[in-house]
Amino acid sequence: MKRNLVRRETKTVRKLPAAPAAVAQAQPDGWLSFSYSHREVSLSGGKTRLRSREYRFANGRLESEEFDGTLDASVYRTAVLRAQELMLAQTKSLLGLFSAFLPFKGGEKK
């Protein structure tokens, strides 16, 4: 013979009328902020074309900036050359870390 020792009361649930959702207000020192930037350099028709876009959200405000301009073709060539030199230097530095694991050094002869 089973007997329930705990009695549960049935509660009635009332449905409230639907209200419009509250719009979030910007906080002066908000916890959310971000920035996004994009830059593009291209060579077309003997001219270097620069495009830049930046978006920032801080203190409840979204700001954006855009720039589009043209320069001489030598600017593009110089930028590509510097990027290649930087990439080569970074690769050399990274591979230099692994040279300690090689069984021999290049300057030593047996």
Protein backbone atom coordinates (compact mmCIF):
# COMPACT_ATOMS: atom_id res chain seq x y z
CA MET A 1 0.00 0.00 0.00
CA LYS A 2 1.56 3.27 -1.16
CA ARG A 3 0.90 6.45 0.56
CA ASN A 4 2.13 9.89 -0.57
CA LEU A 5 3.50 11.82 2.35
CA VAL A 6 4.06 15.04 0.40
CA ARG A 7 1.06 16.91 -0.80
CA ARG A 8 1.44 19.23 -3.71
CA GLU A 9 -0.86 22.13 -4.15
CA THR A 10 -1.93 22.98 -7.66
CA LYS A 11 -1.11 26.51 -8.63
CA THR A 12 -3.02 28.46 -11.21
CA VAL A 13 -0.97 30.23 -13.86
CA ARG A 14 -2.17 33.60 -15.04
CA LYS A 15 -1.28 34.83 -18.48
CA LEU A 16 -0.25 38.47 -18.59
CA PRO A 17 -1.15 40.62 -21.57
CA ALA A 18 1.64 40.90 -24.13
CA ALA A 19 3.68 44.05 -23.74
CA PRO A 20 6.17 45.46 -26.26
CA ALA A 21 9.78 44.53 -25.56
CA ALA A 22 11.83 47.20 -23.87
CA VAL A 23 14.50 48.78 -26.03
CA ALA A 24 17.96 48.53 -24.51
CA GLN A 25 19.36 51.90 -23.59
CA ALA A 26 23.03 52.67 -24.15
CA GLN A 27 25.09 52.64 -20.99
CA PRO A 28 27.62 55.47 -20.61
CA ASP A 29 30.38 53.03 -19.66
CA GLY A 30 29.12 50.06 -21.64
CA TRP A 31 30.82 46.70 -21.40
CA LEU A 32 30.59 46.04 -25.13
CA SER A 33 32.93 47.66 -27.62
CA PHE A 34 34.62 46.54 -30.82
CA SER A 35 36.50 47.87 -33.80
CA TYR A 36 36.90 46.50 -37.30
CA SER A 37 39.19 47.84 -40.00
CA HIS A 38 39.88 46.84 -43.58
CA ARG A 39 42.53 48.22 -45.91
CA GLU A 40 43.08 47.39 -49.55
CA VAL A 41 45.97 48.42 -51.80
CA SER A 42 45.81 47.62 -55.51
CA LEU A 43 47.56 48.58 -58.72
CA SER A 44 45.36 49.48 -61.67
CA GLY A 45 46.19 51.46 -64.79
CA GLY A 46 49.57 52.65 -63.48
CA LYS A 47 48.02 54.10 -60.31
CA THR A 48 47.98 52.78 -56.76
CA ARG A 49 44.48 52.71 -55.33
CA LEU A 50 43.98 52.82 -51.55
CA ARG A 51 40.73 51.94 -49.81
CA SER A 52 40.20 51.96 -46.09
CA ARG A 53 37.15 51.27 -43.93
CA GLU A 54 36.91 51.43 -40.16
CA TYR A 55 33.99 50.68 -37.87
CA ARG A 56 33.97 51.28 -34.12
CA PHE A 57 31.33 50.69 -31.47
CA ALA A 58 32.00 52.27 -28.09
CA ASN A 59 29.88 53.98 -25.46
CA GLY A 60 26.72 53.03 -27.31
CA ARG A 61 27.75 54.78 -30.53
CA LEU A 62 28.60 53.19 -33.87
CA GLU A 63 31.09 55.21 -35.90
CA SER A 64 32.40 54.51 -39.38
CA GLU A 65 35.08 56.06 -41.58
CA GLU A 66 35.85 55.40 -45.24
CA PHE A 67 38.72 56.54 -47.42
CA ASP A 68 39.37 56.04 -51.13
CA GLY A 69 42.36 57.57 -52.92
CA THR A 70 44.96 57.14 -55.66
CA LEU A 71 48.74 57.53 -55.65
CA ASP A 72 51.67 56.89 -57.98
CA ALA A 73 52.46 53.27 -58.98
CA SER A 74 55.79 53.35 -57.10
CA VAL A 75 53.89 53.38 -53.79
CA TYR A 76 52.41 49.96 -54.59
CA ARG A 77 55.77 48.50 -55.58
CA THR A 78 57.41 49.82 -52.41
CA ALA A 79 54.59 48.43 -50.23
CA VAL A 80 54.82 44.99 -51.84
CA LEU A 81 58.62 44.95 -51.49
CA ARG A 82 58.42 45.86 -47.78
CA ALA A 83 55.73 43.21 -47.17
CA GLN A 84 57.89 40.56 -48.85
CA GLU A 85 60.95 41.57 -46.81
CA LEU A 86 58.94 41.43 -43.59
CA MET A 87 57.54 38.00 -44.45
CA LEU A 88 61.04 36.71 -45.29
CA ALA A 89 62.44 38.02 -41.99
CA GLN A 90 59.62 36.43 -39.99
CA THR A 91 60.04 33.09 -41.80
CA LYS A 92 63.80 33.15 -41.20
CA SER A 93 63.25 33.84 -37.51
CA LEU A 94 60.73 31.00 -37.20
CA LEU A 95 62.92 28.49 -39.03
CA GLY A 96 65.88 29.57 -36.88
CA LEU A 97 64.07 28.14 -33.85
CA PHE A 98 64.01 24.70 -35.46
CA SER A 99 67.69 24.75 -36.44
CA ALA A 100 68.63 23.64 -32.91
CA PHE A 101 66.98 20.28 -33.61
CA LEU A 102 69.08 19.56 -36.70
CA PRO A 103 71.85 16.98 -36.30
CA PHE A 104 74.57 19.26 -37.68
CA LYS A 105 75.40 22.92 -38.07
CA GLY A 106 76.16 24.29 -41.52
CA GLY A 107 79.59 25.77 -40.65
CA GLU A 108 81.13 22.70 -38.98
CA LYS A 109 83.06 20.05 -40.93
CA LYS A 110 84.15 16.66 -39.65
